[in-house]
């Protein structure tokens, strides 16, 4: 380990390029330590983390309460599989069900696994409860979605990079335009075999595309009208990222004494991951009420690591941090401030056309559509100046810092971003 601890950035990158599959294109920064909103590379340079592992690190890097929970549990019991009970899983299930307002939780590990779980749950419900003919169920999804990269999930993606040469694809999905209630209702009305509507409250990978006001509540009402399950993928938008406990909370305040944390637009099936563990352990979950979750019986679905004691202990700690530190409120206030400050610059900018987002999930649109390198080069320059972000969809740069960021730190980051962008005007 002593040799590995002293590895240089160039050596680390060379090792990954030689021995690792080339399924990612990272920025040339090799990180070795993180704390709060900061990370350090192997040479000791300090950066603001403005990606947060795609919103996994809402509670910040290495939050001591979460790390302590993991460490304490790891010294007692790490894994039993679900062949036996353990003394932590039930506590986590109750804690999370109370926290989000559902009857049951099915634990998994990754976000993609949780999405697959929700799809299976929806289909089984449609046959056994709704009464759709076997193998006829269809699930509505949206264009430009991102729900993972398993074979089933890429079957309903329209990202050519994710799809090309991975067929044959899985049937049973209908793609419609995002934020289009008319198309949603037309599809529901014309197809009695629709079992569910899978949607991201905000399309993150598509470039932080925020739907029209009222879209989610009206979509949920349509699902209720046609007896279709509303499935919210909040893997990236959940756990306080958008300024509410869940993005489906609409305009309610999670710190309001009258708010129980139950979303204003309550999904029939809720999918969580990423920040459910504070970024220290792979944990995901699907939540639903009894009338839906009861269709899952022994042998229908499972995971060796899903619901393991470490995951359970870590998730309780991670959710407790979100509540105790009022991270939803912080994301709401500082998100407004971030967009306000950025818009002052954008008003006279020739390189940035707009900013969009909610809470501390935001993105800027770079004007250069002809070159795919501009946003990438801006991110390289940002890293030189001590801030890490990553482009998506060519000319869009996403900004999603840990929710523990302070007002002073945010102003510092705004200064870094604007001064860097000015070099590209």
Protein backbone atom coordinates (compact mmCIF):
# COMPACT_ATOMS: atom_id res chain seq x y z
CA UNK A 1 0.00 0.00 0.00
CA UNK A 2 2.89 2.38 0.63
CA UNK A 3 3.76 2.30 -3.08
CA UNK A 4 0.12 2.86 -4.11
CA UNK A 5 -0.23 5.75 -1.67
CA UNK A 6 2.64 7.55 -3.43
CA UNK A 7 1.31 7.05 -6.95
CA UNK A 8 1.29 10.12 -9.22
CA UNK A 9 -1.66 11.31 -11.28
CA UNK A 10 0.02 10.22 -14.49
CA UNK A 11 0.71 6.76 -13.11
CA UNK A 12 -2.85 6.33 -11.83
CA UNK A 13 -4.33 7.36 -15.19
CA UNK A 14 -1.95 5.07 -17.06
CA UNK A 15 -2.93 2.11 -14.87
CA UNK A 16 -6.63 2.67 -15.47
CA UNK A 17 -6.10 3.08 -19.21
CA UNK A 18 -4.09 -0.14 -19.43
CA UNK A 19 -6.01 -2.43 -17.08
CA UNK A 20 -9.50 -0.95 -16.87
CA UNK A 21 -12.34 -1.13 -19.36
CA UNK A 22 -12.69 2.16 -21.20
CA UNK A 23 -16.33 2.73 -20.28
CA UNK A 24 -15.81 6.23 -18.89
CA UNK A 25 -14.08 9.42 -20.06
CA UNK A 26 -13.03 11.14 -16.82
CA UNK A 27 -11.46 14.54 -16.43
CA UNK A 28 -7.69 14.07 -15.93
CA UNK A 29 -7.86 14.59 -12.17
CA UNK A 30 -6.86 11.80 -9.74
CA UNK A 31 -8.52 12.26 -6.37
CA UNK A 32 -7.25 10.73 -3.15
CA UNK A 33 -9.12 12.46 -0.33
CA UNK A 34 -12.41 14.22 0.36
CA UNK A 35 -13.98 16.17 3.21
CA UNK A 36 -17.23 18.12 3.10
CA UNK A 37 -17.39 20.07 -0.17
CA UNK A 38 -13.69 19.59 -0.93
CA UNK A 39 -11.54 16.94 -2.59
CA UNK A 40 -7.76 16.74 -3.01
CA UNK A 41 -5.78 15.12 -5.79
CA UNK A 42 -2.74 12.90 -5.24
CA UNK A 43 -0.43 15.91 -5.57
CA UNK A 44 -2.34 17.73 -2.83
CA UNK A 45 -4.27 20.26 -4.92
CA UNK A 46 -7.62 21.21 -3.39
CA UNK A 47 -10.88 21.47 -5.36
CA UNK A 48 -14.53 22.25 -4.80
CA UNK A 49 -16.55 19.19 -5.82
CA UNK A 50 -19.40 20.48 -8.00
CA UNK A 51 -20.57 17.08 -9.21
CA UNK A 52 -21.00 15.22 -5.88
CA UNK A 53 -20.68 11.83 -7.61
CA UNK A 54 -23.84 12.61 -9.56
CA UNK A 55 -25.65 13.72 -6.38
CA UNK A 56 -24.56 10.77 -4.25
CA UNK A 57 -22.66 13.02 -1.84
CA UNK A 58 -25.44 15.35 -0.75
CA UNK A 59 -24.20 15.05 2.84
CA UNK A 60 -20.63 15.88 1.76
CA UNK A 61 -17.53 13.76 1.52
CA UNK A 62 -16.83 11.44 4.45
CA UNK A 63 -19.47 12.86 6.77
CA UNK A 64 -18.27 11.76 10.23
CA UNK A 65 -21.69 10.57 11.43
CA UNK A 66 -22.13 8.36 8.38
CA UNK A 67 -18.55 7.08 8.45
CA UNK A 68 -18.88 6.27 12.16
CA UNK A 69 -22.09 4.34 11.54
CA UNK A 70 -20.39 2.32 8.81
CA UNK A 71 -17.27 1.68 10.88
CA UNK A 72 -19.20 0.61 13.97
CA UNK A 73 -21.44 -1.77 12.02
CA UNK A 74 -18.52 -3.18 10.00
CA UNK A 75 -16.90 -4.34 13.22
CA UNK A 76 -20.03 -6.22 14.28
CA UNK A 77 -21.67 -7.81 11.22
CA UNK A 78 -21.26 -7.02 7.53
CA UNK A 79 -23.37 -9.51 5.60
CA UNK A 80 -25.85 -12.30 6.26
CA UNK A 81 -27.64 -12.43 2.90
CA UNK A 82 -31.41 -12.52 3.13
CA UNK A 83 -31.28 -16.23 4.01
CA UNK A 84 -31.36 -14.97 7.61
CA UNK A 85 -32.69 -11.93 9.44
CA UNK A 86 -30.28 -9.34 10.76
CA UNK A 87 -30.84 -6.89 13.59
CA UNK A 88 -30.46 -3.69 11.53
CA UNK A 89 -32.49 -4.12 8.34
CA UNK A 90 -35.89 -3.89 9.99
CA UNK A 91 -34.85 -0.71 11.78
CA UNK A 92 -33.78 0.83 8.47
CA UNK A 93 -36.97 -0.26 6.70
CA UNK A 94 -39.15 1.31 9.40
CA UNK A 95 -37.00 4.45 9.54
CA UNK A 96 -37.14 4.99 5.76
CA UNK A 97 -40.84 4.13 5.46
CA UNK A 98 -41.65 6.67 8.18
CA UNK A 99 -39.26 9.19 6.63
CA UNK A 100 -40.84 9.04 3.16
CA UNK A 101 -44.39 8.01 4.05
CA UNK A 102 -44.73 4.49 2.61
CA UNK A 103 -45.73 1.09 3.99
CA UNK A 104 -42.92 -1.08 2.60
CA UNK A 105 -39.34 -0.90 1.36
CA UNK A 106 -37.45 -3.33 -0.86
CA UNK A 107 -33.67 -2.81 -0.48
CA UNK A 108 -31.18 -3.11 -3.33
CA UNK A 109 -27.69 -1.78 -4.06
CA UNK A 110 -27.44 0.37 -7.20
CA UNK A 111 -29.84 2.82 -8.79
CA UNK A 112 -30.18 0.68 -11.91
CA UNK A 113 -31.06 -2.33 -9.75
CA UNK A 114 -33.74 -0.28 -8.03
CA UNK A 115 -35.20 0.77 -11.38
CA UNK A 116 -35.27 -2.85 -12.55
CA UNK A 117 -36.98 -3.76 -9.27
CA UNK A 118 -39.64 -1.09 -9.82
CA UNK A 119 -40.29 -2.34 -13.36
CA UNK A 120 -40.76 -5.90 -12.13
CA UNK A 121 -42.99 -4.75 -9.29
CA UNK A 122 -45.14 -2.70 -11.67
CA UNK A 123 -45.55 -5.54 -14.14
CA UNK A 124 -46.46 -8.08 -11.48
CA UNK A 125 -49.00 -5.67 -9.98
CA UNK A 126 -50.53 -5.13 -13.41
CA UNK A 127 -51.18 -8.84 -13.92
CA UNK A 128 -52.27 -9.78 -10.42
CA UNK A 129 -54.13 -6.64 -9.34
CA UNK A 130 -55.07 -4.58 -12.40
CA UNK A 131 -55.83 -7.65 -14.50
CA UNK A 132 -53.82 -7.01 -17.65
CA UNK A 133 -53.38 -10.13 -19.79
CA UNK A 134 -50.10 -11.90 -19.07
CA UNK A 135 -47.06 -10.60 -20.98
CA UNK A 136 -49.07 -7.70 -22.39
CA UNK A 137 -48.14 -5.01 -19.86
CA UNK A 138 -46.46 -1.86 -21.15
CA UNK A 139 -44.73 0.92 -19.26
CA UNK A 140 -44.59 4.51 -20.50
CA UNK A 141 -41.18 6.22 -20.36
CA UNK A 142 -39.92 9.59 -21.58
CA UNK A 143 -37.53 10.49 -24.36
CA UNK A 144 -34.08 11.55 -23.18
CA UNK A 145 -34.53 9.58 -19.97
CA UNK A 146 -31.67 8.16 -17.96
CA UNK A 147 -32.50 5.32 -15.59
CA UNK A 148 -29.28 3.28 -15.83
CA UNK A 149 -27.49 1.08 -18.35
CA UNK A 150 -28.76 -2.47 -17.83
CA UNK A 151 -30.02 -4.32 -20.91
CA UNK A 152 -33.67 -3.66 -20.08
CA UNK A 153 -33.12 0.01 -19.28
CA UNK A 154 -31.16 0.81 -22.45
CA UNK A 155 -33.97 -0.86 -24.38
CA UNK A 156 -36.08 2.24 -23.71
CA UNK A 157 -33.25 4.78 -23.95
CA UNK A 158 -32.80 6.96 -27.01
CA UNK A 159 -29.10 7.54 -26.31
CA UNK A 160 -27.28 5.95 -29.26
CA UNK A 161 -24.05 5.54 -27.28
CA UNK A 162 -25.81 3.53 -24.59
CA UNK A 163 -27.83 1.44 -27.08
CA UNK A 164 -25.68 0.72 -30.13
CA UNK A 165 -24.65 -2.94 -30.53
CA UNK A 166 -26.31 -4.10 -27.31
CA UNK A 167 -29.48 -5.56 -28.83
CA UNK A 168 -31.77 -7.40 -29.04
CA UNK A 169 -33.74 -5.09 -26.82
CA UNK A 170 -36.48 -5.73 -24.29
CA UNK A 171 -40.05 -5.02 -25.38
CA UNK A 172 -42.88 -3.57 -23.32
CA UNK A 173 -42.10 0.15 -23.28
CA UNK A 174 -43.74 3.16 -24.91
CA UNK A 175 -41.67 6.33 -25.32
CA UNK A 176 -43.31 9.75 -25.20
CA UNK A 177 -42.09 13.34 -25.01
CA UNK A 178 -41.11 14.55 -21.55
CA UNK A 179 -43.26 17.34 -20.09
CA UNK A 180 -46.08 16.62 -22.55
CA UNK A 181 -49.35 15.91 -20.74
CA UNK A 182 -51.35 15.70 -23.95
CA UNK A 183 -49.22 12.88 -25.29
CA UNK A 184 -49.29 11.13 -21.93
CA UNK A 185 -53.10 11.19 -21.80
CA UNK A 186 -53.45 10.14 -25.43
CA UNK A 187 -51.22 7.14 -24.76
CA UNK A 188 -53.07 6.21 -21.59
CA UNK A 189 -56.43 6.58 -23.30
CA UNK A 190 -55.53 4.46 -26.33
CA UNK A 191 -53.73 1.61 -24.59
CA UNK A 192 -55.50 -0.39 -21.86
CA UNK A 193 -52.32 -2.45 -21.31
CA UNK A 194 -50.35 0.41 -19.78
CA UNK A 195 -49.24 -0.62 -16.30
CA UNK A 196 -47.07 2.30 -15.25
CA UNK A 197 -45.46 5.64 -16.06
CA UNK A 198 -41.74 5.82 -15.19
CA UNK A 199 -40.47 9.38 -14.97
CA UNK A 200 -37.65 11.51 -13.57
CA UNK A 201 -39.04 14.56 -11.76
CA UNK A 202 -36.13 16.44 -13.31
CA UNK A 203 -34.16 14.91 -16.17
CA UNK A 204 -30.62 15.10 -14.82
CA UNK A 205 -28.48 13.43 -17.47
CA UNK A 206 -30.49 15.18 -20.18
CA UNK A 207 -29.04 18.43 -18.88
CA UNK A 208 -31.11 19.24 -15.78
CA UNK A 209 -34.34 19.66 -17.69
CA UNK A 210 -37.01 20.95 -15.29
CA UNK A 211 -40.62 20.28 -16.38
CA UNK A 212 -43.38 22.86 -16.47
CA UNK A 213 -45.07 23.90 -13.23
CA UNK A 214 -47.75 21.38 -12.36
CA UNK A 215 -46.53 18.71 -14.77
CA UNK A 216 -45.88 16.08 -12.12
CA UNK A 217 -49.15 16.58 -10.24
CA UNK A 218 -51.17 16.51 -13.44
CA UNK A 219 -49.31 13.43 -14.67
CA UNK A 220 -50.06 11.69 -11.37
CA UNK A 221 -53.74 12.62 -11.71
CA UNK A 222 -53.81 11.09 -15.19
CA UNK A 223 -52.22 7.91 -13.87
CA UNK A 224 -54.89 7.71 -11.18
CA UNK A 225 -57.62 8.28 -13.77
CA UNK A 226 -56.45 5.34 -15.88
CA UNK A 227 -55.38 3.09 -12.98
CA UNK A 228 -51.70 3.26 -13.90
CA UNK A 229 -48.81 3.33 -11.42
CA UNK A 230 -46.85 6.59 -11.20
CA UNK A 231 -43.20 5.55 -10.75
CA UNK A 232 -40.81 8.34 -9.70
CA UNK A 233 -37.11 7.76 -10.29
CA UNK A 234 -35.61 10.02 -7.62
CA UNK A 235 -32.20 8.34 -7.58
CA UNK A 236 -30.56 11.63 -8.54
CA UNK A 237 -33.19 14.20 -7.55
CA UNK A 238 -34.14 12.76 -4.15
CA UNK A 239 -32.73 13.20 -0.64
CA UNK A 240 -32.90 17.04 -0.52
CA UNK A 241 -31.00 17.72 -3.77
CA UNK A 242 -33.66 19.97 -5.30
CA UNK A 243 -34.44 21.91 -2.13
CA UNK A 244 -37.12 19.47 -0.96
CA UNK A 245 -36.84 16.02 0.54
CA UNK A 246 -38.05 14.70 -2.81
CA UNK A 247 -38.40 16.57 -6.11
CA UNK A 248 -42.00 15.35 -6.19
CA UNK A 249 -42.67 17.43 -3.07
CA UNK A 250 -43.67 20.31 -5.32
CA UNK A 251 -43.84 23.57 -3.39
CA UNK A 252 -44.14 22.17 0.12
CA UNK A 253 -41.37 22.91 2.61
CA UNK A 254 -39.74 19.94 4.29
CA UNK A 255 -38.88 22.09 7.29
CA UNK A 256 -42.47 23.32 7.62
CA UNK A 257 -43.93 22.05 10.88
CA UNK A 258 -47.02 20.96 8.95
CA UNK A 259 -44.99 18.92 6.46
CA UNK A 260 -44.53 15.26 7.32
CA UNK A 261 -42.04 14.73 4.53
CA UNK A 262 -44.71 12.95 2.48
CA UNK A 263 -44.45 14.26 -1.09
CA UNK A 264 -47.14 16.54 -2.46
CA UNK A 265 -47.18 14.35 -5.56
CA UNK A 266 -46.94 10.96 -3.93
CA UNK A 267 -45.59 8.31 -6.30
CA UNK A 268 -47.12 4.87 -6.29
CA UNK A 269 -43.56 3.55 -6.50
CA UNK A 270 -40.58 5.62 -5.32
CA UNK A 271 -37.04 4.77 -6.45
CA UNK A 272 -34.10 5.99 -4.34
CA UNK A 273 -30.33 5.51 -4.43
CA UNK A 274 -27.13 7.57 -4.49
CA UNK A 275 -27.44 9.92 -1.46
CA UNK A 276 -29.47 7.31 0.42
CA UNK A 277 -26.06 6.26 1.77
CA UNK A 278 -24.35 9.64 1.68
CA UNK A 279 -22.00 8.32 -0.98
CA UNK A 280 -20.12 5.93 1.29
CA UNK A 281 -21.76 2.62 0.31
CA UNK A 282 -23.96 1.29 -2.53
CA UNK A 283 -27.55 1.44 -1.26
CA UNK A 284 -30.79 1.79 -3.20
CA UNK A 285 -34.42 1.13 -2.41
CA UNK A 286 -37.90 0.88 -3.85
CA UNK A 287 -40.78 2.07 -1.67
CA UNK A 288 -44.50 1.43 -2.14
CA UNK A 289 -47.63 0.84 -0.12
CA UNK A 290 -48.94 -2.59 0.82
CA UNK A 291 -51.44 -2.96 -2.01
CA UNK A 292 -48.56 -2.80 -4.50
CA UNK A 293 -45.64 -4.32 -2.61
CA UNK A 294 -47.64 -7.36 -1.47
CA UNK A 295 -47.36 -8.91 -4.96
CA UNK A 296 -43.68 -9.65 -4.27
CA UNK A 297 -43.31 -13.07 -2.68
CA UNK A 298 -40.27 -15.19 -1.66
CA UNK A 299 -38.22 -16.12 -4.70
CA UNK A 300 -39.64 -13.36 -6.93
CA UNK A 301 -36.78 -10.93 -6.46
CA UNK A 302 -33.68 -10.41 -4.34
CA UNK A 303 -30.03 -9.57 -3.94
CA UNK A 304 -27.27 -11.13 -1.86
CA UNK A 305 -26.07 -7.73 -0.68
CA UNK A 306 -29.43 -5.92 -0.74
CA UNK A 307 -30.42 -5.03 2.82
CA UNK A 308 -27.08 -5.93 4.38
CA UNK A 309 -26.38 -4.61 7.89
CA UNK A 310 -23.79 -2.04 6.84
CA UNK A 311 -26.12 -0.60 4.20
CA UNK A 312 -28.94 -0.38 6.71
CA UNK A 313 -26.86 1.35 9.38
CA UNK A 314 -25.30 3.74 6.89
CA UNK A 315 -28.66 4.74 5.40
CA UNK A 316 -30.22 5.51 8.76
CA UNK A 317 -27.27 7.79 9.51
CA UNK A 318 -27.38 9.40 6.06
CA UNK A 319 -31.08 10.25 6.29
CA UNK A 320 -30.64 11.52 9.85
CA UNK A 321 -27.95 13.93 8.66
CA UNK A 322 -30.29 15.25 5.96
CA UNK A 323 -32.96 15.99 8.55
CA UNK A 324 -30.79 17.26 11.40
CA UNK A 325 -28.66 19.55 9.22
CA UNK A 326 -31.68 20.88 7.27
CA UNK A 327 -30.01 20.11 3.96
CA UNK A 328 -33.21 20.56 1.97
CA UNK A 329 -33.53 24.12 3.25
CA UNK A 330 -29.88 24.83 2.50
CA UNK A 331 -30.25 23.50 -1.04
CA UNK A 332 -33.34 25.62 -1.60
CA UNK A 333 -31.82 28.88 -0.34
CA UNK A 334 -28.39 28.47 -1.92
CA UNK A 335 -29.85 27.17 -5.17
CA UNK A 336 -31.84 30.38 -5.58
CA UNK A 337 -28.72 32.38 -4.76
CA UNK A 338 -26.60 30.44 -7.25
CA UNK A 339 -29.04 30.97 -10.12
CA UNK A 340 -29.47 34.63 -9.21
CA UNK A 341 -25.72 35.30 -9.24
CA UNK A 342 -25.17 33.30 -12.42
CA UNK A 343 -28.00 35.10 -14.21
CA UNK A 344 -26.34 38.45 -13.51
CA UNK A 345 -23.36 37.23 -15.49
CA UNK A 346 -25.39 35.44 -18.18
CA UNK A 347 -27.30 38.66 -18.96
CA UNK A 348 -24.22 40.01 -20.78
CA UNK A 349 -22.47 36.73 -21.65
CA UNK A 350 -21.79 35.53 -25.17
CA UNK A 351 -20.70 32.05 -24.11
CA UNK A 352 -23.56 31.03 -21.77
CA UNK A 353 -27.17 31.29 -22.91
CA UNK A 354 -29.04 30.28 -19.76
CA UNK A 355 -29.08 28.43 -16.47
CA UNK A 356 -31.78 26.02 -15.33
CA UNK A 357 -32.33 23.89 -12.30
CA UNK A 358 -33.90 23.51 -8.91
CA UNK A 359 -32.25 23.58 -5.52
CA UNK A 360 -28.59 22.70 -5.94
CA UNK A 361 -29.10 20.72 -9.14
CA UNK A 362 -28.33 23.18 -11.92
CA UNK A 363 -26.86 23.37 -15.40
CA UNK A 364 -25.62 26.06 -17.74
CA UNK A 365 -26.06 25.91 -21.51
CA UNK A 366 -22.97 26.78 -23.51
CA UNK A 367 -23.69 28.71 -26.72
CA UNK A 368 -21.18 26.83 -28.84
CA UNK A 369 -23.32 24.09 -30.41
CA UNK A 370 -20.94 23.43 -33.30
CA UNK A 371 -18.02 22.24 -31.18
CA UNK A 372 -18.34 19.43 -28.67
CA UNK A 373 -15.09 20.54 -27.05
CA UNK A 374 -16.06 23.91 -25.60
CA UNK A 375 -17.90 22.65 -22.52
CA UNK A 376 -15.17 20.05 -21.96
CA UNK A 377 -12.46 22.70 -22.22
CA UNK A 378 -14.37 24.93 -19.79
CA UNK A 379 -14.47 22.05 -17.31
CA UNK A 380 -10.73 21.54 -17.73
CA UNK A 381 -10.20 25.23 -17.03
CA UNK A 382 -12.51 25.04 -14.01
CA UNK A 383 -10.41 22.19 -12.63
CA UNK A 384 -7.27 24.27 -13.13
CA UNK A 385 -8.98 26.95 -11.06
CA UNK A 386 -10.00 24.58 -8.27
CA UNK A 387 -13.54 23.48 -9.13
CA UNK A 388 -14.67 20.13 -10.56
CA UNK A 389 -17.66 19.80 -12.87
CA UNK A 390 -18.46 17.67 -15.92
CA UNK A 391 -20.26 18.28 -19.23
CA UNK A 392 -23.36 16.37 -20.29
CA UNK A 393 -24.95 16.24 -23.74
CA UNK A 394 -22.04 18.10 -25.32
CA UNK A 395 -22.73 21.75 -24.53
CA UNK A 396 -24.27 21.53 -21.05
CA UNK A 397 -22.33 21.75 -17.77
CA UNK A 398 -24.02 20.44 -14.64
CA UNK A 399 -23.34 21.99 -11.22
CA UNK A 400 -24.32 19.93 -8.16
CA UNK A 401 -22.20 20.61 -5.07
CA UNK A 402 -22.67 18.78 -1.75
CA UNK A 403 -25.62 20.24 0.12
CA UNK A 404 -23.44 21.03 3.13
CA UNK A 405 -21.90 23.92 1.18
CA UNK A 406 -22.03 27.30 2.96
CA UNK A 407 -23.07 30.67 1.58
CA UNK A 408 -19.47 31.91 1.68
CA UNK A 409 -18.23 28.84 -0.16
CA UNK A 410 -20.95 29.22 -2.77
CA UNK A 411 -19.94 32.82 -3.47
CA UNK A 412 -16.35 31.65 -3.86
CA UNK A 413 -17.47 29.01 -6.35
CA UNK A 414 -19.58 31.49 -8.32
CA UNK A 415 -16.49 33.69 -8.61
CA UNK A 416 -14.40 30.75 -9.88
CA UNK A 417 -17.06 29.77 -12.42
CA UNK A 418 -17.64 33.29 -13.76
CA UNK A 419 -13.94 34.17 -13.98
CA UNK A 420 -13.32 30.93 -15.83
CA UNK A 421 -16.19 31.48 -18.26
CA UNK A 422 -14.95 35.00 -19.04
CA UNK A 423 -11.82 33.49 -20.54
CA UNK A 424 -14.02 31.80 -23.17
CA UNK A 425 -16.07 34.88 -24.12
